[in-house]
């Protein structure tokens, strides 16, 4: 009986190890994806600010609106 129990324990340990490996890989991929998304948000957030600065500089010199 102890021989059967040992074999089951080893198989269980292998399953546990493979599960640990899969979880580790999944967490790493998730972290990479979240970092990439955060970088994308930073890029998008900085673009409108730059565009509005460019628009403001164009409006100042144009004088196309009456009353300004």
N, C-alpha and C. Protein backbone atom coordinates (compact mmCIF):
# COMPACT_ATOMS: atom_id res chain seq x y z
N UNK A 1 0.81 -1.19 0.00
CA UNK A 1 0.00 0.00 0.00
C UNK A 1 0.86 1.26 0.00
N UNK A 2 1.94 1.24 0.67
CA UNK A 2 2.76 2.45 0.70
C UNK A 2 3.34 2.75 -0.67
N UNK A 3 3.62 1.72 -1.47
CA UNK A 3 4.14 1.93 -2.82
C UNK A 3 3.12 2.63 -3.70
N UNK A 4 1.86 2.27 -3.58
CA UNK A 4 0.81 2.92 -4.36
C UNK A 4 0.65 4.37 -3.94
N UNK A 5 0.75 4.60 -2.65
CA UNK A 5 0.59 5.96 -2.12
C UNK A 5 1.73 6.85 -2.60
N UNK A 6 2.94 6.31 -2.64
CA UNK A 6 4.10 7.08 -3.08
C UNK A 6 3.96 7.46 -4.56
N UNK A 7 3.48 6.52 -5.39
CA UNK A 7 3.32 6.81 -6.81
C UNK A 7 2.28 7.91 -7.02
N UNK A 8 1.20 7.83 -6.27
CA UNK A 8 0.16 8.86 -6.38
C UNK A 8 0.67 10.21 -5.93
N UNK A 9 1.49 10.21 -4.91
CA UNK A 9 2.06 11.46 -4.40
C UNK A 9 2.99 12.09 -5.41
N UNK A 10 3.76 11.26 -6.10
CA UNK A 10 4.69 11.79 -7.11
C UNK A 10 3.91 12.35 -8.29
N UNK A 11 2.87 11.66 -8.71
CA UNK A 11 2.05 12.14 -9.82
C UNK A 11 1.37 13.44 -9.43
N UNK A 12 0.89 13.51 -8.21
CA UNK A 12 0.25 14.73 -7.71
C UNK A 12 1.22 15.89 -7.66
N UNK A 13 2.46 15.58 -7.28
CA UNK A 13 3.49 16.63 -7.23
C UNK A 13 3.79 17.14 -8.64
N UNK A 14 3.83 16.23 -9.62
CA UNK A 14 4.09 16.65 -11.00
C UNK A 14 2.96 17.52 -11.53
N UNK A 15 1.73 17.14 -11.20
CA UNK A 15 0.58 17.93 -11.63
C UNK A 15 0.64 19.31 -10.98
N UNK A 16 0.99 19.33 -9.71
CA UNK A 16 1.08 20.60 -8.99
C UNK A 16 2.18 21.47 -9.59
N UNK A 17 3.33 20.86 -9.93
CA UNK A 17 4.43 21.61 -10.53
C UNK A 17 4.03 22.16 -11.89
N UNK A 18 3.35 21.35 -12.71
CA UNK A 18 2.96 21.84 -14.03
C UNK A 18 1.92 22.96 -13.90
N UNK A 19 1.06 22.84 -12.91
CA UNK A 19 0.07 23.91 -12.68
C UNK A 19 0.78 25.18 -12.25
N UNK A 20 1.77 25.05 -11.37
CA UNK A 20 2.55 26.20 -10.92
C UNK A 20 3.24 26.87 -12.11
N UNK A 21 3.81 26.07 -12.99
CA UNK A 21 4.49 26.60 -14.18
C UNK A 21 3.51 27.34 -15.09
N UNK A 22 2.33 26.74 -15.29
CA UNK A 22 1.33 27.40 -16.14
C UNK A 22 0.87 28.71 -15.53
N UNK A 23 0.65 28.72 -14.21
CA UNK A 23 0.24 29.95 -13.55
C UNK A 23 1.32 31.01 -13.63
N UNK A 24 2.56 30.59 -13.45
CA UNK A 24 3.68 31.52 -13.51
C UNK A 24 3.76 32.17 -14.90
N UNK A 25 3.62 31.36 -15.94
CA UNK A 25 3.65 31.89 -17.31
C UNK A 25 2.46 32.81 -17.57
N UNK A 26 1.30 32.43 -17.09
CA UNK A 26 0.11 33.25 -17.30
C UNK A 26 0.25 34.60 -16.60
N UNK A 27 0.78 34.59 -15.39
CA UNK A 27 0.99 35.85 -14.67
C UNK A 27 2.00 36.74 -15.38
N UNK A 28 3.04 36.15 -15.89
CA UNK A 28 4.06 36.92 -16.61
C UNK A 28 3.47 37.55 -17.87
N UNK A 29 2.67 36.77 -18.63
CA UNK A 29 2.05 37.31 -19.83
C UNK A 29 1.05 38.41 -19.48
N UNK A 30 0.32 38.23 -18.40
CA UNK A 30 -0.64 39.22 -17.96
C UNK A 30 0.07 40.53 -17.60
N UNK A 31 1.19 40.42 -16.92
CA UNK A 31 1.96 41.60 -16.54
C UNK A 31 2.47 42.33 -17.78
N UNK A 32 2.98 41.59 -18.74
CA UNK A 32 3.46 42.20 -19.99
C UNK A 32 2.32 42.93 -20.70
N UNK A 33 1.15 42.30 -20.75
CA UNK A 33 0.01 42.91 -21.42
C UNK A 33 -0.43 44.18 -20.71
N UNK A 34 -0.47 44.16 -19.38
CA UNK A 34 -0.87 45.34 -18.63
C UNK A 34 0.13 46.48 -18.80
N UNK A 35 1.42 46.16 -18.81
CA UNK A 35 2.43 47.20 -19.03
C UNK A 35 2.28 47.82 -20.40
N UNK A 36 2.04 46.98 -21.40
CA UNK A 36 1.86 47.47 -22.76
C UNK A 36 0.63 48.38 -22.85
N UNK A 37 -0.45 47.99 -22.20
CA UNK A 37 -1.66 48.81 -22.19
C UNK A 37 -1.41 50.14 -21.50
N UNK A 38 -0.66 50.11 -20.40
CA UNK A 38 -0.36 51.34 -19.67
C UNK A 38 0.48 52.28 -20.53
N UNK A 39 1.44 51.72 -21.27
CA UNK A 39 2.26 52.54 -22.17
C UNK A 39 1.39 53.16 -23.25
N UNK A 40 0.44 52.39 -23.76
CA UNK A 40 -0.46 52.91 -24.78
C UNK A 40 -1.32 54.03 -24.25
N UNK A 41 -1.78 53.92 -23.02
CA UNK A 41 -2.59 54.98 -22.42
C UNK A 41 -1.76 56.24 -22.23
N UNK A 42 -0.50 56.10 -21.85
CA UNK A 42 0.37 57.26 -21.67
C UNK A 42 0.56 57.98 -23.00
N UNK A 43 0.74 57.22 -24.07
CA UNK A 43 0.92 57.81 -25.40
C UNK A 43 -0.33 58.58 -25.81
N UNK A 44 -1.49 58.00 -25.61
CA UNK A 44 -2.74 58.63 -25.99
C UNK A 44 -2.99 59.87 -25.13
N UNK A 45 -2.66 59.81 -23.87
CA UNK A 45 -2.89 60.93 -22.97
C UNK A 45 -1.99 62.11 -23.33
N UNK A 46 -0.79 61.86 -23.80
CA UNK A 46 0.12 62.96 -24.13
C UNK A 46 -0.19 63.56 -25.50
N UNK A 47 -0.77 62.82 -26.42
CA UNK A 47 -1.07 63.33 -27.76
C UNK A 47 -2.09 64.47 -27.76
N UNK A 48 -3.22 64.35 -27.07
CA UNK A 48 -4.18 65.47 -27.09
C UNK A 48 -3.58 66.75 -26.49
N UNK A 49 -2.75 66.62 -25.48
CA UNK A 49 -2.14 67.81 -24.89
C UNK A 49 -1.24 68.49 -25.91
N UNK A 50 -0.48 67.73 -26.65
CA UNK A 50 0.39 68.30 -27.67
C UNK A 50 -0.44 68.90 -28.80
N UNK A 51 -1.49 68.25 -29.19
CA UNK A 51 -2.33 68.74 -30.27
C UNK A 51 -3.00 70.05 -29.87
N UNK A 52 -3.45 70.16 -28.63
CA UNK A 52 -4.10 71.39 -28.20
C UNK A 52 -3.10 72.54 -28.14
N UNK A 53 -1.86 72.26 -27.79
CA UNK A 53 -0.83 73.30 -27.80
C UNK A 53 -0.57 73.77 -29.22
N UNK A 54 -0.54 72.86 -30.17
CA UNK A 54 -0.33 73.23 -31.56
C UNK A 54 -1.52 74.05 -32.07
N UNK A 55 -2.73 73.69 -31.70
CA UNK A 55 -3.91 74.43 -32.12
C UNK A 55 -3.89 75.84 -31.54
N UNK A 56 -3.49 75.96 -30.28
CA UNK A 56 -3.45 77.26 -29.64
C UNK A 56 -2.43 78.17 -30.31
N UNK A 57 -1.31 77.63 -30.72
CA UNK A 57 -0.31 78.46 -31.38
C UNK A 57 -0.80 78.90 -32.75
N UNK A 58 -1.57 78.08 -33.44
CA UNK A 58 -2.13 78.46 -34.73
C UNK A 58 -3.18 79.56 -34.57
N UNK A 59 -4.00 79.49 -33.53
CA UNK A 59 -5.06 80.47 -33.30
C UNK A 59 -4.50 81.82 -32.94
N UNK A 60 -3.40 81.89 -32.22
CA UNK A 60 -2.85 83.16 -31.79
C UNK A 60 -2.42 84.05 -32.96
N UNK A 61 -1.81 83.47 -33.94
CA UNK A 61 -1.28 84.28 -35.04
C UNK A 61 -2.26 84.52 -36.15
N UNK A 62 -3.33 83.78 -36.21
CA UNK A 62 -4.24 83.87 -37.35
C UNK A 62 -5.07 85.12 -37.37
N UNK A 63 -5.68 85.47 -36.27
CA UNK A 63 -6.54 86.65 -36.23
C UNK A 63 -7.76 86.51 -37.13
N UNK A 64 -8.19 85.28 -37.38
CA UNK A 64 -9.30 85.07 -38.31
C UNK A 64 -10.66 85.34 -37.67
N UNK A 65 -10.74 85.33 -36.34
CA UNK A 65 -12.02 85.55 -35.67
C UNK A 65 -12.18 87.04 -35.38
N UNK A 66 -13.33 87.61 -35.72
CA UNK A 66 -13.55 89.03 -35.42
C UNK A 66 -13.69 89.25 -33.92
N UNK A 67 -13.22 90.38 -33.45
CA UNK A 67 -13.34 90.72 -32.05
C UNK A 67 -12.16 90.29 -31.21
N UNK A 68 -11.19 89.67 -31.80
CA UNK A 68 -10.02 89.25 -31.03
C UNK A 68 -8.83 90.05 -31.40
